[in-house]
Each structure stands twice: as structure tokens, then as C-alpha cells.
N, C-alpha and C. Protein backbone atom coordinates (compact mmCIF):
# COMPACT_ATOMS: atom_id res chain seq x y z
N MET A 1 57.16 -28.12 84.67
CA MET A 1 55.73 -28.21 84.89
C MET A 1 55.44 -29.33 85.88
N THR A 2 54.66 -29.04 86.89
CA THR A 2 54.34 -30.05 87.87
C THR A 2 53.12 -30.84 87.42
N THR A 3 53.00 -32.04 87.95
CA THR A 3 51.86 -32.89 87.63
C THR A 3 50.83 -32.77 88.75
N SER A 4 49.61 -33.20 88.48
CA SER A 4 48.61 -33.19 89.54
C SER A 4 48.84 -34.41 90.43
N ILE A 5 48.72 -34.19 91.71
CA ILE A 5 49.02 -35.24 92.69
C ILE A 5 47.75 -35.56 93.45
N LYS A 6 47.46 -36.84 93.57
CA LYS A 6 46.29 -37.27 94.31
C LYS A 6 46.73 -37.71 95.71
N LEU A 7 46.03 -37.22 96.71
CA LEU A 7 46.33 -37.56 98.09
C LEU A 7 45.21 -38.41 98.66
N GLY A 8 45.58 -39.43 99.42
CA GLY A 8 44.60 -40.27 100.09
C GLY A 8 44.23 -39.69 101.45
N GLY A 9 43.37 -40.39 102.15
CA GLY A 9 42.91 -39.94 103.47
C GLY A 9 44.03 -39.80 104.48
N ASN A 10 44.92 -40.79 104.54
CA ASN A 10 46.04 -40.72 105.49
C ASN A 10 46.95 -39.54 105.19
N GLU A 11 47.26 -39.33 103.91
CA GLU A 11 48.13 -38.23 103.53
C GLU A 11 47.52 -36.89 103.94
N ILE A 12 46.23 -36.73 103.71
CA ILE A 12 45.56 -35.48 104.06
C ILE A 12 45.58 -35.27 105.58
N ARG A 13 45.34 -36.34 106.35
CA ARG A 13 45.39 -36.23 107.81
C ARG A 13 46.78 -35.86 108.30
N PHE A 14 47.80 -36.50 107.71
CA PHE A 14 49.18 -36.21 108.12
C PHE A 14 49.58 -34.78 107.75
N ILE A 15 49.15 -34.30 106.58
CA ILE A 15 49.44 -32.92 106.18
C ILE A 15 48.78 -31.95 107.16
N SER A 16 47.54 -32.22 107.52
CA SER A 16 46.83 -31.36 108.47
C SER A 16 47.55 -31.32 109.81
N LEU A 17 47.97 -32.47 110.29
CA LEU A 17 48.70 -32.55 111.56
C LEU A 17 50.03 -31.80 111.45
N PHE A 18 50.76 -32.03 110.38
CA PHE A 18 52.05 -31.38 110.15
C PHE A 18 51.89 -29.86 110.14
N GLU A 19 50.89 -29.37 109.42
CA GLU A 19 50.67 -27.93 109.33
C GLU A 19 50.27 -27.34 110.68
N SER A 20 49.45 -28.07 111.45
CA SER A 20 49.03 -27.53 112.74
C SER A 20 50.18 -27.49 113.75
N ILE A 21 51.10 -28.44 113.68
CA ILE A 21 52.24 -28.46 114.60
C ILE A 21 53.30 -27.46 114.18
N THR A 22 53.61 -27.39 112.88
CA THR A 22 54.75 -26.59 112.42
C THR A 22 54.37 -25.18 111.98
N GLY A 23 53.17 -24.99 111.49
CA GLY A 23 52.79 -23.70 110.92
C GLY A 23 53.22 -23.55 109.46
N ALA A 24 53.93 -24.54 108.94
CA ALA A 24 54.38 -24.53 107.54
C ALA A 24 53.28 -25.09 106.65
N VAL A 25 53.26 -24.66 105.40
CA VAL A 25 52.26 -25.14 104.44
C VAL A 25 52.86 -26.29 103.64
N ALA A 26 52.22 -27.46 103.74
CA ALA A 26 52.70 -28.65 103.02
C ALA A 26 51.93 -28.81 101.72
N ARG A 27 52.66 -29.12 100.64
CA ARG A 27 52.06 -29.35 99.33
C ARG A 27 51.78 -30.82 99.08
N ASP A 28 52.56 -31.69 99.73
CA ASP A 28 52.48 -33.11 99.43
C ASP A 28 52.99 -33.91 100.62
N CYS A 29 52.59 -35.16 100.68
CA CYS A 29 53.02 -36.07 101.73
C CYS A 29 53.15 -37.46 101.12
N ILE A 30 54.28 -38.10 101.37
CA ILE A 30 54.50 -39.47 100.89
C ILE A 30 54.74 -40.34 102.11
N ILE A 31 53.94 -41.37 102.26
CA ILE A 31 54.06 -42.27 103.41
C ILE A 31 54.69 -43.57 102.94
N ASN A 32 55.87 -43.88 103.46
CA ASN A 32 56.54 -45.16 103.21
C ASN A 32 56.49 -45.98 104.48
N GLU A 33 56.89 -47.24 104.38
CA GLU A 33 56.92 -48.07 105.58
C GLU A 33 57.98 -47.61 106.57
N ASP A 34 59.04 -46.95 106.08
CA ASP A 34 60.14 -46.56 106.97
C ASP A 34 60.24 -45.07 107.24
N ARG A 35 59.45 -44.22 106.57
CA ARG A 35 59.53 -42.77 106.78
C ARG A 35 58.34 -42.06 106.15
N ILE A 36 58.18 -40.78 106.55
CA ILE A 36 57.16 -39.92 105.96
C ILE A 36 57.88 -38.69 105.41
N ILE A 37 57.61 -38.36 104.14
CA ILE A 37 58.25 -37.22 103.50
C ILE A 37 57.19 -36.15 103.26
N PHE A 38 57.46 -34.94 103.74
CA PHE A 38 56.58 -33.80 103.50
C PHE A 38 57.27 -32.85 102.53
N ILE A 39 56.52 -32.36 101.54
CA ILE A 39 57.01 -31.34 100.62
C ILE A 39 56.35 -30.04 101.06
N VAL A 40 57.17 -29.03 101.40
CA VAL A 40 56.63 -27.76 101.88
C VAL A 40 56.79 -26.69 100.82
N LYS A 41 55.95 -25.67 100.91
CA LYS A 41 56.02 -24.55 99.96
C LYS A 41 57.35 -23.83 100.08
N PRO A 42 57.81 -23.21 99.00
CA PRO A 42 59.08 -22.46 99.06
C PRO A 42 59.06 -21.42 100.17
N GLY A 43 60.16 -21.39 100.92
CA GLY A 43 60.28 -20.45 102.03
C GLY A 43 59.76 -20.96 103.35
N ASN A 44 59.15 -22.15 103.37
CA ASN A 44 58.58 -22.70 104.59
C ASN A 44 59.46 -23.74 105.28
N ILE A 45 60.64 -24.01 104.74
CA ILE A 45 61.48 -25.08 105.30
C ILE A 45 61.92 -24.75 106.72
N GLY A 46 62.30 -23.50 106.98
CA GLY A 46 62.73 -23.10 108.32
C GLY A 46 61.61 -23.22 109.33
N LEU A 47 60.42 -22.82 108.93
CA LEU A 47 59.24 -22.93 109.78
C LEU A 47 58.93 -24.40 110.07
N ALA A 48 59.05 -25.24 109.05
CA ALA A 48 58.76 -26.67 109.21
C ALA A 48 59.72 -27.33 110.20
N ILE A 49 60.99 -26.99 110.10
CA ILE A 49 61.99 -27.61 110.97
C ILE A 49 61.92 -27.02 112.37
N GLY A 50 61.81 -25.71 112.47
CA GLY A 50 61.74 -25.05 113.77
C GLY A 50 63.12 -24.85 114.36
N LYS A 51 63.18 -24.03 115.41
CA LYS A 51 64.45 -23.76 116.09
C LYS A 51 65.00 -25.05 116.67
N LYS A 52 66.24 -25.36 116.29
CA LYS A 52 66.93 -26.57 116.75
C LYS A 52 66.14 -27.85 116.44
N GLY A 53 65.29 -27.80 115.40
CA GLY A 53 64.55 -28.98 114.97
C GLY A 53 63.36 -29.34 115.83
N VAL A 54 62.90 -28.41 116.65
CA VAL A 54 61.84 -28.72 117.61
C VAL A 54 60.53 -29.14 116.92
N ASN A 55 60.16 -28.50 115.82
CA ASN A 55 58.90 -28.86 115.14
C ASN A 55 58.96 -30.25 114.54
N ILE A 56 60.07 -30.55 113.87
CA ILE A 56 60.23 -31.89 113.28
C ILE A 56 60.22 -32.96 114.36
N LYS A 57 60.87 -32.69 115.48
CA LYS A 57 60.89 -33.65 116.59
C LYS A 57 59.48 -33.90 117.11
N ARG A 58 58.68 -32.83 117.22
CA ARG A 58 57.30 -33.01 117.70
C ARG A 58 56.48 -33.86 116.74
N VAL A 59 56.61 -33.59 115.44
CA VAL A 59 55.87 -34.38 114.44
C VAL A 59 56.34 -35.83 114.49
N ARG A 60 57.66 -36.04 114.55
CA ARG A 60 58.22 -37.40 114.59
C ARG A 60 57.72 -38.15 115.83
N ASP A 61 57.73 -37.49 116.98
CA ASP A 61 57.26 -38.14 118.21
C ASP A 61 55.78 -38.49 118.13
N PHE A 62 55.00 -37.62 117.51
CA PHE A 62 53.56 -37.85 117.40
C PHE A 62 53.26 -38.99 116.44
N LEU A 63 53.94 -39.02 115.29
CA LEU A 63 53.66 -40.03 114.26
C LEU A 63 54.47 -41.32 114.44
N GLN A 64 55.47 -41.29 115.30
CA GLN A 64 56.30 -42.47 115.58
C GLN A 64 57.01 -43.01 114.34
N LYS A 65 57.40 -42.10 113.45
CA LYS A 65 58.15 -42.46 112.24
C LYS A 65 59.14 -41.35 111.94
N PRO A 66 60.26 -41.69 111.29
CA PRO A 66 61.18 -40.64 110.86
C PRO A 66 60.49 -39.70 109.86
N ILE A 67 60.78 -38.42 109.99
CA ILE A 67 60.17 -37.40 109.14
C ILE A 67 61.26 -36.74 108.30
N GLU A 68 60.99 -36.56 107.02
CA GLU A 68 61.88 -35.82 106.13
C GLU A 68 61.08 -34.69 105.50
N VAL A 69 61.73 -33.54 105.37
CA VAL A 69 61.07 -32.37 104.79
C VAL A 69 61.89 -31.88 103.61
N VAL A 70 61.23 -31.64 102.49
CA VAL A 70 61.88 -31.13 101.29
C VAL A 70 61.13 -29.87 100.86
N GLU A 71 61.89 -28.84 100.50
CA GLU A 71 61.28 -27.60 100.04
C GLU A 71 60.98 -27.70 98.54
N PHE A 72 59.75 -27.37 98.17
CA PHE A 72 59.36 -27.42 96.76
C PHE A 72 60.04 -26.28 96.01
N ALA A 73 60.24 -26.46 94.71
CA ALA A 73 60.78 -25.42 93.83
C ALA A 73 60.05 -25.50 92.50
N GLN A 74 59.89 -24.36 91.84
CA GLN A 74 59.17 -24.31 90.57
C GLN A 74 59.91 -25.00 89.43
N SER A 75 61.24 -25.00 89.48
CA SER A 75 61.99 -25.66 88.41
C SER A 75 62.41 -27.05 88.88
N PRO A 76 62.41 -28.03 87.97
CA PRO A 76 62.81 -29.39 88.37
C PRO A 76 64.25 -29.44 88.87
N GLU A 77 65.12 -28.62 88.30
CA GLU A 77 66.53 -28.62 88.71
C GLU A 77 66.67 -28.19 90.17
N ASN A 78 66.00 -27.10 90.54
CA ASN A 78 66.07 -26.63 91.93
C ASN A 78 65.39 -27.60 92.88
N PHE A 79 64.31 -28.23 92.42
CA PHE A 79 63.61 -29.20 93.26
C PHE A 79 64.51 -30.41 93.54
N ILE A 80 65.17 -30.92 92.52
CA ILE A 80 66.08 -32.05 92.71
C ILE A 80 67.23 -31.64 93.63
N LYS A 81 67.72 -30.43 93.47
CA LYS A 81 68.77 -29.92 94.35
C LYS A 81 68.29 -29.93 95.81
N ASN A 82 67.05 -29.52 96.04
CA ASN A 82 66.49 -29.53 97.39
C ASN A 82 66.33 -30.95 97.94
N THR A 83 65.99 -31.90 97.07
CA THR A 83 65.81 -33.28 97.55
C THR A 83 67.13 -33.91 97.95
N LEU A 84 68.23 -33.44 97.37
CA LEU A 84 69.55 -34.01 97.66
C LEU A 84 70.32 -33.22 98.72
N ALA A 85 69.74 -32.16 99.25
CA ALA A 85 70.42 -31.36 100.29
C ALA A 85 70.75 -32.26 101.47
N PRO A 86 71.87 -32.07 102.11
CA PRO A 86 72.81 -30.95 102.07
C PRO A 86 73.98 -31.14 101.11
N ALA A 87 73.90 -32.10 100.20
CA ALA A 87 75.00 -32.31 99.23
C ALA A 87 75.14 -31.06 98.36
N ARG A 88 76.39 -30.69 98.08
CA ARG A 88 76.65 -29.52 97.23
C ARG A 88 76.62 -29.96 95.77
N ILE A 89 75.66 -29.42 95.05
CA ILE A 89 75.42 -29.78 93.65
C ILE A 89 76.18 -28.81 92.75
N LYS A 90 76.93 -29.35 91.80
CA LYS A 90 77.61 -28.50 90.82
C LYS A 90 76.67 -28.13 89.68
N MET A 91 75.95 -29.14 89.16
CA MET A 91 75.11 -28.91 87.99
C MET A 91 74.03 -29.99 87.89
N ILE A 92 72.87 -29.59 87.40
CA ILE A 92 71.79 -30.54 87.12
C ILE A 92 71.29 -30.26 85.71
N THR A 93 71.23 -31.32 84.91
CA THR A 93 70.74 -31.21 83.54
C THR A 93 69.59 -32.19 83.36
N VAL A 94 68.44 -31.67 82.96
CA VAL A 94 67.28 -32.52 82.67
C VAL A 94 67.18 -32.65 81.16
N THR A 95 67.22 -33.89 80.68
CA THR A 95 67.14 -34.14 79.24
C THR A 95 66.03 -35.13 78.94
N GLU A 96 65.53 -35.07 77.71
CA GLU A 96 64.50 -36.01 77.29
C GLU A 96 65.12 -37.00 76.32
N ARG A 97 64.94 -38.28 76.62
CA ARG A 97 65.48 -39.32 75.74
C ARG A 97 64.59 -39.47 74.51
N ARG A 98 65.07 -40.25 73.56
CA ARG A 98 64.30 -40.46 72.32
C ARG A 98 62.95 -41.10 72.58
N ASP A 99 62.88 -41.93 73.62
CA ASP A 99 61.60 -42.59 73.92
C ASP A 99 60.64 -41.67 74.69
N GLY A 100 61.05 -40.41 74.92
CA GLY A 100 60.18 -39.44 75.57
C GLY A 100 60.34 -39.35 77.07
N LYS A 101 61.12 -40.24 77.66
CA LYS A 101 61.32 -40.22 79.11
C LYS A 101 62.37 -39.19 79.48
N LYS A 102 62.10 -38.46 80.56
CA LYS A 102 63.04 -37.45 81.03
C LYS A 102 63.96 -38.05 82.09
N ILE A 103 65.23 -37.65 82.04
CA ILE A 103 66.19 -38.06 83.07
C ILE A 103 66.93 -36.81 83.55
N ALA A 104 67.38 -36.87 84.79
CA ALA A 104 68.16 -35.77 85.36
C ALA A 104 69.55 -36.27 85.67
N MET A 105 70.54 -35.60 85.11
CA MET A 105 71.95 -35.91 85.39
C MET A 105 72.43 -34.90 86.42
N VAL A 106 72.88 -35.39 87.58
CA VAL A 106 73.29 -34.53 88.68
C VAL A 106 74.79 -34.69 88.90
N THR A 107 75.51 -33.58 88.84
CA THR A 107 76.94 -33.58 89.12
C THR A 107 77.14 -32.97 90.50
N VAL A 108 77.78 -33.75 91.39
CA VAL A 108 78.02 -33.28 92.76
C VAL A 108 79.51 -33.17 93.02
N ASN A 109 79.88 -32.39 94.04
CA ASN A 109 81.27 -32.36 94.48
C ASN A 109 81.68 -33.76 94.89
N GLU A 110 82.90 -34.14 94.58
CA GLU A 110 83.38 -35.50 94.85
C GLU A 110 83.20 -35.88 96.32
N GLN A 111 83.50 -34.95 97.24
CA GLN A 111 83.39 -35.28 98.67
C GLN A 111 81.93 -35.39 99.13
N ASP A 112 80.99 -34.91 98.34
CA ASP A 112 79.57 -34.98 98.70
C ASP A 112 78.82 -36.11 97.98
N ARG A 113 79.52 -36.90 97.22
CA ARG A 113 78.88 -37.99 96.47
C ARG A 113 78.15 -38.96 97.40
N GLY A 114 78.78 -39.33 98.49
CA GLY A 114 78.16 -40.23 99.46
C GLY A 114 76.92 -39.62 100.10
N ILE A 115 76.97 -38.32 100.37
CA ILE A 115 75.81 -37.64 100.95
C ILE A 115 74.65 -37.65 99.95
N ALA A 116 74.94 -37.38 98.69
CA ALA A 116 73.90 -37.34 97.66
C ALA A 116 73.25 -38.71 97.47
N ILE A 117 74.06 -39.76 97.49
CA ILE A 117 73.52 -41.11 97.30
C ILE A 117 72.81 -41.59 98.57
N GLY A 118 73.43 -41.37 99.72
CA GLY A 118 72.84 -41.77 100.99
C GLY A 118 73.09 -43.23 101.30
N LYS A 119 72.85 -43.59 102.55
CA LYS A 119 73.05 -44.97 102.99
C LYS A 119 72.09 -45.88 102.25
N ASN A 120 72.63 -46.90 101.63
CA ASN A 120 71.85 -47.85 100.81
C ASN A 120 71.07 -47.15 99.70
N GLY A 121 71.56 -46.00 99.23
CA GLY A 121 70.91 -45.28 98.13
C GLY A 121 69.63 -44.57 98.51
N LYS A 122 69.43 -44.34 99.81
CA LYS A 122 68.18 -43.76 100.30
C LYS A 122 67.92 -42.35 99.75
N ASN A 123 68.94 -41.51 99.71
CA ASN A 123 68.74 -40.12 99.27
C ASN A 123 68.46 -40.02 97.78
N VAL A 124 69.19 -40.77 96.99
CA VAL A 124 68.95 -40.74 95.54
C VAL A 124 67.59 -41.38 95.22
N ALA A 125 67.18 -42.38 96.00
CA ALA A 125 65.86 -42.99 95.80
C ALA A 125 64.76 -41.97 96.10
N ARG A 126 64.95 -41.17 97.16
CA ARG A 126 63.98 -40.11 97.49
C ARG A 126 63.92 -39.10 96.34
N ALA A 127 65.08 -38.71 95.81
CA ALA A 127 65.12 -37.76 94.69
C ALA A 127 64.38 -38.32 93.48
N ARG A 128 64.59 -39.60 93.18
CA ARG A 128 63.89 -40.23 92.04
C ARG A 128 62.39 -40.24 92.26
N LEU A 129 61.97 -40.65 93.45
CA LEU A 129 60.55 -40.72 93.78
C LEU A 129 59.88 -39.36 93.63
N LEU A 130 60.50 -38.33 94.20
CA LEU A 130 59.89 -37.00 94.17
C LEU A 130 59.96 -36.37 92.79
N ALA A 131 61.06 -36.58 92.06
CA ALA A 131 61.17 -36.04 90.70
C ALA A 131 60.13 -36.68 89.78
N ARG A 132 59.90 -37.98 89.95
CA ARG A 132 58.89 -38.68 89.15
C ARG A 132 57.49 -38.18 89.51
N ARG A 133 57.24 -38.02 90.78
CA ARG A 133 55.92 -37.63 91.26
C ARG A 133 55.56 -36.20 90.87
N HIS A 134 56.53 -35.29 90.92
CA HIS A 134 56.22 -33.88 90.69
C HIS A 134 56.55 -33.38 89.28
N TYR A 135 57.50 -34.01 88.59
CA TYR A 135 57.94 -33.49 87.29
C TYR A 135 58.02 -34.55 86.19
N ASN A 136 57.52 -35.75 86.42
CA ASN A 136 57.57 -36.84 85.44
C ASN A 136 58.99 -37.12 84.95
N ILE A 137 59.97 -36.99 85.83
CA ILE A 137 61.35 -37.33 85.50
C ILE A 137 61.57 -38.77 85.95
N GLU A 138 61.87 -39.64 84.99
CA GLU A 138 61.95 -41.07 85.26
C GLU A 138 63.14 -41.48 86.11
N ASP A 139 64.28 -40.81 85.94
CA ASP A 139 65.48 -41.25 86.65
C ASP A 139 66.34 -40.06 87.04
N VAL A 140 67.01 -40.19 88.17
CA VAL A 140 67.99 -39.20 88.64
C VAL A 140 69.31 -39.94 88.76
N ILE A 141 70.31 -39.49 88.01
CA ILE A 141 71.61 -40.16 87.98
C ILE A 141 72.65 -39.24 88.59
N ILE A 142 73.36 -39.75 89.60
CA ILE A 142 74.41 -38.98 90.28
C ILE A 142 75.74 -39.29 89.61
N SER A 143 76.47 -38.24 89.26
CA SER A 143 77.81 -38.45 88.67
C SER A 143 78.82 -37.54 89.33
């Protein structure tokens, strides 16, 4: 089950710009100091990126920040898998602890562990942020 997400003025403007450049439908936008993350509707990832990445490059050049695009999924497991792409995921288990907090245990291929974690933990941090924002999952643990 997804949570309701509140968007500010900047997020709405960036989503509008992203949609007009790419033609993809964005569900969410997260603005960090070092990057902007767009969540697109299922099936819109190819449209968002464009042939040879041309759409993403145009958005990046216009906004002067690195752009990341993640495809939304109805299940938290598939959504987390999308946030960690291109790492090959073996299994994702979402469990609820006794205190009521949900955590996701992600098992990846050994050679893809570095890809899943990312430089300085950037990819796993993105997965945590998006899982918390969309599915109230407190933590994503890579094993």
C-alpha cells in the first residue's frame, strides 16, 4: 500500500518540466542538494530515458543537476528492485518487526553487491528514501 505524498511548488514545477521534455508521466519528485529523483509510472521508464538517454540529458542540462529515474511498482518488493537497478536481485523479503516498523531484506548476486550499495552507499540510501516515502518501510538491508 502506498502512502499519500505531498509535493511542494518546486517539485510540481520540476515534474511539469520533466513531463513536457520526456513525455513520461511522473508520480513523484525528490530534490536533494546533489541530485533530483523522478518516480515514473510503470511502463514509462523507456520514454523517460529516451533513445540513447537523450531525454534524461535534456532534463539534466536544463536543471543543471544529475537526474535519476525510477519506475514505480505496485508491490514494495518490485519497487525496491527498481530502485536498486541494474543490480540483479535474488530475493526481497519485507517483514514487520515487533515494534511495528517494516524492513526489507534484499539478497543480491555477490558480484552485484557493490552496484546495489553504490558509491558511498548512494544507491541503498536512495532505496531507503523511496521505500520509506512510498511504502513506510523504515530500512532496506542488502545481504
